[in-house]
Amino acid sequence: MSFTCSVCGRRVSFWEVAYIGNSLVICKNCYPEYYVKHCPLVRRRTSGESPPSCNYCLYRSKCDEYVKGLQPKSR
């Protein structure tokens, strides 16, 4: 049985699927980026907070990059 990733459109086997839900199928390659963009704590991090649970997140480094890109550039 194969699935189509909702992010990249690639056909993947069951073992390459990281997330299935709400008619979404996310492959293991796309999941970290998907997770970071939809994490409920990103808004708090962009405002300067550092929630304790973020210290244990597997995707902290990707999130740091994403949050840095969201913050306005200082002149």
N, C-alpha and C. Protein backbone atom coordinates (compact mmCIF):
# COMPACT_ATOMS: atom_id res chain seq x y z
N MET A 1 0.85 -1.18 0.00
CA MET A 1 0.00 0.00 0.00
C MET A 1 0.89 1.24 0.00
N SER A 2 0.57 2.20 -0.85
CA SER A 2 1.36 3.43 -0.87
C SER A 2 0.44 4.63 -0.67
N PHE A 3 1.05 5.70 -0.23
CA PHE A 3 0.34 6.95 0.07
C PHE A 3 1.01 8.07 -0.70
N THR A 4 0.31 9.18 -0.84
CA THR A 4 0.87 10.37 -1.46
C THR A 4 1.03 11.44 -0.39
N CYS A 5 2.23 11.96 -0.24
CA CYS A 5 2.50 13.01 0.75
C CYS A 5 1.74 14.27 0.35
N SER A 6 1.04 14.85 1.30
CA SER A 6 0.25 16.06 1.05
C SER A 6 1.12 17.30 0.87
N VAL A 7 2.37 17.25 1.27
CA VAL A 7 3.26 18.39 1.17
C VAL A 7 4.06 18.35 -0.13
N CYS A 8 4.79 17.26 -0.36
CA CYS A 8 5.68 17.18 -1.53
C CYS A 8 5.07 16.43 -2.71
N GLY A 9 3.99 15.67 -2.48
CA GLY A 9 3.34 14.95 -3.55
C GLY A 9 4.01 13.63 -3.93
N ARG A 10 5.03 13.25 -3.20
CA ARG A 10 5.78 12.02 -3.48
C ARG A 10 4.98 10.81 -3.02
N ARG A 11 5.04 9.71 -3.77
CA ARG A 11 4.43 8.45 -3.38
C ARG A 11 5.34 7.78 -2.35
N VAL A 12 4.79 7.42 -1.21
CA VAL A 12 5.59 6.83 -0.13
C VAL A 12 4.91 5.57 0.39
N SER A 13 5.71 4.66 0.92
CA SER A 13 5.16 3.46 1.54
C SER A 13 4.69 3.79 2.95
N PHE A 14 4.00 2.85 3.55
CA PHE A 14 3.50 3.04 4.91
C PHE A 14 4.63 3.37 5.88
N TRP A 15 5.80 2.76 5.68
CA TRP A 15 6.93 2.94 6.60
C TRP A 15 7.58 4.32 6.46
N GLU A 16 7.29 5.04 5.40
CA GLU A 16 7.83 6.39 5.19
C GLU A 16 6.87 7.47 5.65
N VAL A 17 5.70 7.09 6.16
CA VAL A 17 4.70 8.05 6.61
C VAL A 17 4.97 8.42 8.07
N ALA A 18 5.01 9.74 8.34
CA ALA A 18 5.22 10.21 9.71
C ALA A 18 3.93 10.67 10.37
N TYR A 19 2.94 11.08 9.57
CA TYR A 19 1.70 11.62 10.11
C TYR A 19 0.54 11.31 9.18
N ILE A 20 -0.55 10.86 9.74
CA ILE A 20 -1.80 10.68 9.00
C ILE A 20 -2.90 11.26 9.87
N GLY A 21 -3.69 12.14 9.31
CA GLY A 21 -4.81 12.71 10.05
C GLY A 21 -5.48 13.83 9.30
N ASN A 22 -6.79 13.95 9.49
CA ASN A 22 -7.56 15.01 8.85
C ASN A 22 -7.30 15.08 7.34
N SER A 23 -7.32 13.94 6.69
CA SER A 23 -7.08 13.79 5.25
C SER A 23 -5.68 14.25 4.82
N LEU A 24 -4.75 14.33 5.75
CA LEU A 24 -3.36 14.66 5.45
C LEU A 24 -2.49 13.42 5.61
N VAL A 25 -1.53 13.29 4.72
CA VAL A 25 -0.49 12.27 4.85
C VAL A 25 0.82 13.03 4.69
N ILE A 26 1.68 12.96 5.69
CA ILE A 26 2.95 13.67 5.66
C ILE A 26 4.08 12.64 5.75
N CYS A 27 5.01 12.70 4.80
CA CYS A 27 6.13 11.76 4.81
C CYS A 27 7.18 12.19 5.85
N LYS A 28 8.09 11.29 6.15
CA LYS A 28 9.11 11.56 7.16
C LYS A 28 10.04 12.70 6.75
N ASN A 29 10.24 12.91 5.45
CA ASN A 29 11.10 14.00 5.00
C ASN A 29 10.45 15.36 5.22
N CYS A 30 9.16 15.47 5.05
CA CYS A 30 8.44 16.74 5.15
C CYS A 30 7.94 17.04 6.56
N TYR A 31 7.85 16.02 7.41
CA TYR A 31 7.22 16.21 8.71
C TYR A 31 7.88 17.27 9.60
N PRO A 32 9.20 17.32 9.73
CA PRO A 32 9.77 18.35 10.61
C PRO A 32 9.36 19.76 10.19
N GLU A 33 9.40 20.06 8.91
CA GLU A 33 9.00 21.39 8.43
C GLU A 33 7.52 21.64 8.68
N TYR A 34 6.69 20.64 8.41
CA TYR A 34 5.24 20.74 8.64
C TYR A 34 4.97 20.98 10.13
N TYR A 35 5.61 20.21 10.98
CA TYR A 35 5.40 20.31 12.42
C TYR A 35 5.77 21.71 12.93
N VAL A 36 6.92 22.20 12.53
CA VAL A 36 7.39 23.51 12.99
C VAL A 36 6.42 24.60 12.56
N LYS A 37 5.95 24.58 11.33
CA LYS A 37 5.05 25.62 10.84
C LYS A 37 3.70 25.59 11.52
N HIS A 38 3.30 24.44 12.06
CA HIS A 38 1.99 24.32 12.69
C HIS A 38 2.05 24.16 14.21
N CYS A 39 3.21 24.32 14.77
CA CYS A 39 3.36 24.21 16.22
C CYS A 39 2.67 25.38 16.90
N PRO A 40 1.86 25.12 17.93
CA PRO A 40 1.16 26.21 18.62
C PRO A 40 2.09 27.13 19.42
N LEU A 41 3.32 26.71 19.65
CA LEU A 41 4.25 27.52 20.45
C LEU A 41 5.07 28.50 19.61
N VAL A 42 4.99 28.41 18.29
CA VAL A 42 5.77 29.31 17.43
C VAL A 42 5.39 30.77 17.68
N ARG A 43 4.12 31.05 17.83
CA ARG A 43 3.67 32.43 18.08
C ARG A 43 4.30 32.97 19.37
N ARG A 44 4.35 32.14 20.40
CA ARG A 44 4.97 32.58 21.66
C ARG A 44 6.46 32.81 21.49
N ARG A 45 7.10 31.94 20.71
CA ARG A 45 8.56 32.09 20.49
C ARG A 45 8.87 33.33 19.69
N THR A 46 8.02 33.70 18.73
CA THR A 46 8.29 34.91 17.95
C THR A 46 8.12 36.16 18.79
N SER A 47 7.36 36.06 19.88
CA SER A 47 7.20 37.22 20.75
C SER A 47 8.30 37.30 21.81
N GLY A 48 9.27 36.37 21.74
CA GLY A 48 10.41 36.43 22.66
C GLY A 48 10.35 35.44 23.81
N GLU A 49 9.26 34.73 23.96
CA GLU A 49 9.15 33.75 25.05
C GLU A 49 9.97 32.50 24.69
N SER A 50 10.29 31.75 25.72
CA SER A 50 10.97 30.47 25.52
C SER A 50 10.26 29.42 26.38
N PRO A 51 9.17 28.83 25.85
CA PRO A 51 8.43 27.83 26.62
C PRO A 51 9.32 26.64 27.01
N PRO A 52 9.22 26.17 28.25
CA PRO A 52 10.06 25.07 28.72
C PRO A 52 9.96 23.81 27.85
N SER A 53 8.77 23.53 27.32
CA SER A 53 8.61 22.31 26.53
C SER A 53 9.43 22.36 25.23
N CYS A 54 9.79 23.54 24.76
CA CYS A 54 10.59 23.67 23.54
C CYS A 54 12.01 23.13 23.75
N ASN A 55 12.47 23.11 24.99
CA ASN A 55 13.81 22.60 25.28
C ASN A 55 13.95 21.12 24.98
N TYR A 56 12.83 20.39 24.94
CA TYR A 56 12.85 18.95 24.73
C TYR A 56 12.36 18.56 23.34
N CYS A 57 12.08 19.52 22.49
CA CYS A 57 11.53 19.26 21.16
C CYS A 57 12.61 18.71 20.22
N LEU A 58 12.26 17.67 19.47
CA LEU A 58 13.19 17.09 18.50
C LEU A 58 13.51 18.05 17.36
N TYR A 59 12.63 18.99 17.11
CA TYR A 59 12.78 19.90 15.98
C TYR A 59 13.19 21.29 16.40
N ARG A 60 13.80 21.43 17.54
CA ARG A 60 14.17 22.74 18.07
C ARG A 60 15.08 23.52 17.11
N SER A 61 16.05 22.89 16.51
CA SER A 61 16.96 23.62 15.63
C SER A 61 16.23 24.12 14.38
N LYS A 62 15.34 23.29 13.82
CA LYS A 62 14.55 23.74 12.67
C LYS A 62 13.61 24.87 13.08
N CYS A 63 13.06 24.79 14.27
CA CYS A 63 12.17 25.83 14.77
C CYS A 63 12.94 27.13 14.98
N ASP A 64 14.15 27.04 15.52
CA ASP A 64 14.97 28.24 15.71
C ASP A 64 15.19 28.96 14.39
N GLU A 65 15.49 28.19 13.33
CA GLU A 65 15.68 28.78 12.00
C GLU A 65 14.38 29.44 11.50
N TYR A 66 13.27 28.74 11.69
CA TYR A 66 11.98 29.24 11.23
C TYR A 66 11.60 30.52 11.97
N VAL A 67 11.76 30.53 13.28
CA VAL A 67 11.42 31.71 14.09
C VAL A 67 12.32 32.88 13.71
N LYS A 68 13.59 32.62 13.50
CA LYS A 68 14.53 33.67 13.09
C LYS A 68 14.09 34.31 11.77
N GLY A 69 13.59 33.49 10.85
CA GLY A 69 13.12 33.99 9.56
C GLY A 69 11.83 34.79 9.68
N LEU A 70 11.04 34.55 10.72
CA LEU A 70 9.78 35.27 10.90
C LEU A 70 9.96 36.64 11.56
N GLN A 71 11.02 36.78 12.32
CA GLN A 71 11.23 38.02 13.07
C GLN A 71 11.65 39.13 12.11
N PRO A 72 11.14 40.33 12.33
CA PRO A 72 11.48 41.46 11.45
C PRO A 72 12.97 41.77 11.53
N LYS A 73 13.51 42.15 10.41
CA LYS A 73 14.93 42.51 10.33
C LYS A 73 15.14 43.89 10.97
N SER A 74 16.16 44.00 11.81
CA SER A 74 16.47 45.30 12.41
C SER A 74 17.41 46.06 11.49
N ARG A 75 17.24 47.36 11.44
CA ARG A 75 18.06 48.19 10.54
C ARG A 75 19.11 48.93 11.29
